Protein backbone atom coordinates (compact mmCIF):
# COMPACT_ATOMS: atom_id res chain seq x y z
CA MET A 1 -37.84 -59.15 62.50
CA GLY A 2 -38.69 -57.13 59.46
CA SER A 3 -36.85 -57.41 56.13
CA TYR A 4 -36.19 -54.58 53.80
CA SER A 5 -34.82 -54.49 50.32
CA LEU A 6 -34.99 -52.56 47.03
CA SER A 7 -37.16 -49.38 47.50
CA GLU A 8 -38.93 -50.39 50.65
CA ASN A 9 -38.75 -47.98 53.56
CA LEU A 10 -37.69 -48.46 57.20
CA TYR A 11 -39.23 -46.91 60.32
CA GLU A 12 -37.39 -45.66 63.45
CA GLY A 13 -39.67 -44.39 66.25
CA GLY A 14 -42.48 -43.79 63.82
CA ILE A 15 -40.25 -41.65 61.37
CA LEU A 16 -40.07 -42.75 57.75
CA LEU A 17 -36.55 -43.51 56.56
CA ASN A 18 -35.80 -43.08 52.85
CA VAL A 19 -32.06 -43.94 52.58
CA GLY A 20 -31.81 -42.24 49.18
CA THR A 21 -33.18 -38.94 50.47
CA TRP A 22 -30.25 -38.66 52.83
CA LEU A 23 -27.79 -38.67 49.95
CA ASP A 24 -29.73 -35.93 48.34
CA ALA A 25 -29.60 -33.96 51.65
CA VAL A 26 -25.89 -34.23 51.80
CA ARG A 27 -25.48 -32.88 48.28
CA THR A 28 -27.97 -30.06 48.91
CA ARG A 29 -26.54 -28.95 52.31
CA ARG A 30 -22.84 -29.76 51.56
CA PRO A 31 -21.98 -30.11 55.27
CA LEU A 32 -18.59 -29.05 56.49
CA VAL A 33 -16.99 -32.08 58.10
CA HIS A 34 -14.09 -31.41 60.48
CA ASN A 35 -11.76 -34.50 60.51
CA ILE A 36 -8.97 -35.06 62.97
CA THR A 37 -8.00 -38.28 61.41
CA ASN A 38 -4.97 -40.62 60.97
CA LEU A 39 -1.94 -39.82 58.67
CA VAL A 40 -2.71 -42.85 56.39
CA VAL A 41 -6.16 -41.75 55.29
CA THR A 42 -6.25 -37.91 55.22
CA ASN A 43 -6.23 -37.66 51.45
CA LEU A 44 -8.56 -40.57 50.98
CA SER A 45 -11.09 -39.25 53.31
CA ALA A 46 -10.99 -35.74 52.02
CA ASN A 47 -11.51 -36.99 48.42
CA GLY A 48 -14.27 -39.34 49.46
CA LEU A 49 -16.17 -36.53 51.19
CA LEU A 50 -15.80 -34.35 48.15
CA ALA A 51 -16.96 -37.07 45.88
CA VAL A 52 -20.14 -37.63 47.81
CA GLY A 53 -20.84 -33.85 48.03
CA ALA A 54 -19.70 -32.77 51.38
CA SER A 55 -17.09 -30.26 52.31
CA PRO A 56 -13.93 -31.65 54.23
CA VAL A 57 -11.54 -29.84 56.42
CA MET A 58 -8.53 -31.60 58.05
CA ALA A 59 -7.51 -29.25 60.83
CA HIS A 60 -5.60 -30.65 63.82
CA ALA A 61 -3.60 -27.62 65.35
CA HIS A 62 -4.49 -26.97 69.00
CA GLU A 63 -4.75 -23.34 68.24
CA GLU A 64 -7.68 -23.71 65.81
CA VAL A 65 -9.54 -26.88 66.34
CA ALA A 66 -12.05 -25.48 68.73
CA ASP A 67 -12.92 -22.70 66.35
CA MET A 68 -13.21 -25.16 63.46
CA ALA A 69 -15.33 -27.64 65.30
CA SER A 70 -17.59 -25.01 66.41
CA ILE A 71 -18.48 -23.88 62.79
CA ALA A 72 -18.55 -27.46 61.31
CA GLN A 73 -21.73 -29.42 60.77
CA ALA A 74 -19.90 -32.57 62.09
CA LEU A 75 -16.71 -33.59 63.86
CA VAL A 76 -14.95 -36.85 62.97
CA LEU A 77 -12.38 -38.22 65.40
CA ASN A 78 -10.22 -41.06 64.20
CA MET A 79 -7.38 -42.48 66.42
CA GLY A 80 -5.59 -44.53 63.73
CA THR A 81 -2.27 -42.84 64.36
CA LEU A 82 -2.01 -41.66 68.02
CA ASP A 83 0.23 -39.31 69.77
CA ARG A 84 -0.39 -37.05 72.65
CA ASP A 85 -0.85 -33.91 70.47
CA VAL A 86 -3.50 -35.65 68.45
CA VAL A 87 -5.36 -36.82 71.56
CA GLU A 88 -5.35 -33.36 72.97
CA SER A 89 -6.52 -31.93 69.59
CA MET A 90 -9.45 -34.46 69.77
CA ARG A 91 -10.32 -33.40 73.29
CA ILE A 92 -10.22 -29.61 72.54
CA ALA A 93 -12.28 -30.11 69.32
CA GLY A 94 -14.68 -32.44 70.93
CA LYS A 95 -15.55 -30.24 73.87
CA ALA A 96 -16.10 -27.28 71.54
CA ALA A 97 -18.31 -29.39 69.38
CA ASN A 98 -20.45 -30.47 72.40
CA ARG A 99 -20.78 -26.79 73.41
CA ALA A 100 -22.06 -25.94 69.89
CA GLY A 101 -24.25 -28.97 69.51
CA VAL A 102 -22.08 -30.36 66.62
CA PRO A 103 -22.40 -34.15 66.31
CA ILE A 104 -19.28 -36.05 66.89
CA VAL A 105 -18.40 -39.34 65.18
CA PHE A 106 -15.73 -41.30 66.91
CA ASP A 107 -13.64 -44.15 65.34
CA PRO A 108 -11.59 -45.97 68.00
CA VAL A 109 -9.14 -47.49 65.32
CA GLY A 110 -7.20 -50.40 66.84
CA VAL A 111 -8.75 -50.45 70.20
CA GLY A 112 -7.81 -53.69 71.78
CA ALA A 113 -4.36 -53.73 70.20
CA THR A 114 -2.51 -51.76 72.98
CA PRO A 115 -3.27 -50.50 76.46
CA TYR A 116 -2.57 -46.98 75.15
CA ARG A 117 -5.32 -47.30 72.54
CA ASN A 118 -7.76 -48.81 75.06
CA ARG A 119 -7.15 -45.94 77.34
CA VAL A 120 -7.58 -43.20 74.80
CA ALA A 121 -10.72 -44.72 73.48
CA ALA A 122 -12.33 -45.04 76.86
CA ASP A 123 -11.18 -41.46 77.88
CA ILE A 124 -12.77 -39.92 74.72
CA ALA A 125 -15.97 -41.89 75.06
CA ASN A 126 -16.23 -40.82 78.74
CA GLU A 127 -15.30 -37.17 78.27
CA LEU A 128 -17.28 -36.41 75.15
CA ASN A 129 -20.96 -36.61 74.19
CA LEU A 130 -20.65 -38.82 71.00
CA ALA A 131 -23.42 -38.95 68.40
CA VAL A 132 -21.90 -41.97 66.75
CA LEU A 133 -19.45 -44.63 67.74
CA ARG A 134 -18.11 -46.61 64.65
CA GLY A 135 -15.58 -49.37 64.41
CA ASN A 136 -15.16 -52.70 62.86
CA ALA A 137 -16.79 -55.67 64.54
CA GLY A 138 -13.63 -56.71 66.43
CA GLU A 139 -12.99 -53.30 67.61
CA MET A 140 -16.67 -52.81 68.81
CA SER A 141 -16.47 -56.16 70.61
CA VAL A 142 -13.39 -55.19 72.60
CA PHE A 143 -14.67 -51.71 73.33
CA LEU A 144 -17.95 -53.10 74.65
CA GLY A 145 -16.23 -55.65 76.80
CA LEU A 146 -16.77 -58.80 74.77
CA ASP A 147 -14.33 -61.29 73.81
CA ALA A 148 -12.70 -60.50 70.41
CA GLU A 149 -9.38 -60.40 68.64
CA VAL A 150 -7.75 -57.41 67.01
CA LYS A 151 -4.46 -57.56 65.02
CA GLY A 152 -2.83 -54.12 64.79
CA VAL A 153 -5.70 -51.99 63.55
CA ASP A 154 -7.56 -54.86 61.88
CA SER A 155 -10.34 -56.97 63.23
CA VAL A 156 -9.65 -60.74 63.32
CA ALA A 157 -12.70 -62.02 65.19
CA ALA A 158 -15.85 -60.47 66.79
CA ASN A 159 -18.36 -61.78 69.21
CA ASP A 160 -21.82 -63.14 68.44
CA ALA A 161 -23.36 -61.12 71.31
CA LEU A 162 -22.19 -57.92 69.64
CA PRO A 163 -25.61 -56.61 68.37
CA VAL A 164 -27.19 -56.91 71.79
CA ALA A 165 -24.26 -55.27 73.48
CA MET A 166 -24.36 -52.44 70.92
CA LYS A 167 -28.09 -51.73 71.55
CA GLU A 168 -27.45 -51.84 75.37
CA TYR A 169 -24.73 -49.22 75.01
CA ALA A 170 -26.74 -47.11 72.82
CA GLN A 171 -29.66 -47.19 75.33
CA ARG A 172 -27.35 -46.24 78.11
CA THR A 173 -25.43 -43.43 76.35
CA GLY A 174 -27.67 -42.07 73.63
CA THR A 175 -24.92 -42.87 71.18
CA VAL A 176 -25.58 -44.66 67.93
CA VAL A 177 -23.18 -47.68 67.64
CA VAL A 178 -21.95 -48.95 64.33
CA ALA A 179 -19.96 -52.11 63.72
CA THR A 180 -18.75 -53.03 60.27
CA GLY A 181 -17.64 -56.15 58.62
CA PRO A 182 -18.88 -58.74 56.14
CA VAL A 183 -22.28 -57.41 57.31
CA ASP A 184 -22.71 -54.18 59.12
CA TYR A 185 -24.84 -53.41 62.21
CA VAL A 186 -26.32 -50.15 63.33
CA ALA A 187 -27.84 -49.84 66.86
CA SER A 188 -29.87 -47.05 68.33
CA GLY A 189 -31.43 -47.31 71.81
CA GLU A 190 -34.52 -48.86 70.28
CA HIS A 191 -33.44 -51.05 67.31
CA VAL A 192 -30.67 -52.83 65.61
CA TRP A 193 -30.27 -53.09 61.85
CA LYS A 194 -28.19 -55.61 59.83
CA LEU A 195 -27.02 -54.02 56.46
CA SER A 196 -25.93 -56.57 53.83
CA ASN A 197 -24.57 -54.44 50.84
CA GLY A 198 -20.87 -54.02 50.19
CA HIS A 199 -17.95 -55.94 48.50
CA VAL A 200 -14.92 -57.79 49.64
CA LEU A 201 -12.60 -55.42 47.62
CA LEU A 202 -13.29 -52.88 50.45
CA THR A 203 -10.93 -54.98 52.58
CA THR A 204 -8.00 -54.68 50.10
CA ILE A 205 -7.52 -50.89 50.27
CA THR A 206 -6.08 -49.03 53.22
CA GLY A 207 -8.57 -46.84 55.22
CA SER A 208 -11.87 -48.05 53.69
CA GLY A 209 -13.30 -48.18 57.15
CA CYS A 210 -11.89 -44.69 57.99
CA LEU A 211 -13.35 -43.37 54.80
CA LEU A 212 -16.85 -44.75 55.88
CA THR A 213 -16.41 -43.04 59.17
CA ALA A 214 -15.80 -39.75 57.43
CA LEU A 215 -18.93 -40.25 55.19
CA ILE A 216 -21.05 -41.11 58.25
CA GLY A 217 -19.95 -37.59 59.41
CA ALA A 218 -21.25 -36.14 56.21
CA PHE A 219 -24.59 -37.77 56.60
CA VAL A 220 -24.89 -36.95 60.33
CA GLY A 221 -23.85 -33.34 59.50
CA ALA A 222 -26.76 -33.15 57.05
CA ALA A 223 -29.10 -34.16 59.79
CA GLY A 224 -28.30 -31.06 61.78
CA LYS A 225 -27.08 -30.06 65.22
CA ASN A 226 -28.61 -31.49 68.30
CA SER A 227 -30.68 -34.16 66.36
CA ALA A 228 -32.25 -37.15 68.14
CA THR A 229 -30.46 -40.38 68.47
CA ALA A 230 -33.09 -41.96 66.14
CA THR A 231 -32.23 -39.30 63.37
CA TYR A 232 -28.50 -39.99 63.65
CA ALA A 233 -29.19 -43.69 63.34
CA GLN A 234 -31.03 -43.11 60.14
CA ALA A 235 -28.12 -41.02 58.81
CA CYS A 236 -25.74 -43.79 59.66
CA ILE A 237 -27.83 -46.43 57.90
CA ALA A 238 -28.10 -44.20 54.82
CA ALA A 239 -24.31 -43.46 54.82
CA ILE A 240 -23.29 -47.13 55.10
CA THR A 241 -25.75 -48.22 52.57
CA THR A 242 -24.69 -45.52 50.09
CA TYR A 243 -21.04 -46.41 50.49
CA ASN A 244 -21.61 -50.15 50.19
CA VAL A 245 -23.79 -49.81 47.11
CA ALA A 246 -21.03 -47.56 45.50
CA ALA A 247 -18.52 -50.29 46.43
CA GLU A 248 -20.59 -52.86 44.54
CA ARG A 249 -20.70 -50.59 41.58
CA ALA A 250 -16.96 -49.95 41.75
CA ALA A 251 -16.13 -53.49 41.94
CA SER A 252 -18.15 -54.37 38.81
CA GLN A 253 -15.83 -51.97 36.91
CA SER A 254 -12.47 -52.82 38.52
CA HIS A 255 -9.71 -55.37 38.02
CA GLY A 256 -8.15 -55.30 41.53
CA PRO A 257 -7.49 -52.99 44.49
CA GLY A 258 -5.85 -50.19 42.41
CA SER A 259 -8.66 -49.77 39.95
CA PHE A 260 -11.25 -50.33 42.68
CA GLN A 261 -10.08 -47.32 44.63
CA VAL A 262 -10.36 -45.13 41.64
CA GLN A 263 -13.84 -46.56 40.63
CA LEU A 264 -15.04 -46.08 44.25
CA PHE A 265 -14.55 -42.37 44.06
CA ASP A 266 -16.29 -42.22 40.72
CA ALA A 267 -19.12 -44.30 42.05
CA LEU A 268 -19.53 -42.16 45.07
CA TYR A 269 -19.70 -39.07 42.79
CA HIS A 270 -22.18 -40.56 40.30
CA ILE A 271 -24.55 -42.50 42.50
CA THR A 272 -28.09 -41.28 43.01
CA GLY A 273 -30.49 -41.58 45.78
CA GLU A 274 -32.54 -43.76 43.55
CA ASP A 275 -29.62 -46.08 43.00
CA VAL A 276 -29.19 -46.51 46.67
CA GLU A 277 -32.98 -47.20 47.20
CA ARG A 278 -33.04 -49.86 44.65
CA ALA A 279 -30.03 -51.76 45.90
CA ALA A 280 -30.39 -51.42 49.64
CA VAL A 281 -30.73 -54.70 51.65
CA MET A 282 -31.25 -54.59 55.31
CA GLU A 283 -33.05 -56.21 58.25
CA GLN A 284 -34.42 -54.58 61.46
CA ASP A 285 -34.64 -55.81 65.05
CA LEU A 286 -32.37 -58.86 64.91
């Protein structure tokens, strides 16, 4: 197992990963991120994407989602507030994105809470070619068939075998798998990383995980269409680390959940690639 911190770099398949460079790429390329997301976090996700330097669009009408997904640099699907119209929008947009080579980031919010959510999550994962699958550790444990506990849309408990199951799923599908919690895990078909930045105040604001999913869309979008799984894994690592380092900075300037959310937007806006490089703490191949 290799340990990485501060300005040290990480390798995936012989490719150098500089996590700070990814943030610079997002700000230079300003990827259009098409979000079909839940009602609770639409504003939060859009503002977070703007703060980090991406361009959000929150379209969900059946009549336009295929066109929008086709011209976007990434499509983010979030099933936090489900109904049949939203599910159909996700399917239409996802199929259009696959045809255009646009990477899809899927967040199966609350999978494990109800049979309906389980069925929708499985259908989307089976029908669409996903670049990234991201959920909290409890959701990912349930999704991958491990014992776990989910309460509503919140993770209560995960499974210790999760990193191995994530890597196996990534090998089988070519999808990068991300599980977030007190520590975060990213699995490609070749490697698993443990990312240790972040702050507990992220758990006190609604939609902090959903915002991370949207930001992953921005970084994946900066990677470009039809990129390799290894490249999308790098983008995920950079997105998560950027977000968590920003959260650490925001927490140092806040007095509770209300001020933390405001400070988080400011931190995402002001943080630099060098800031991320200096603060990043991660381990590879657990």
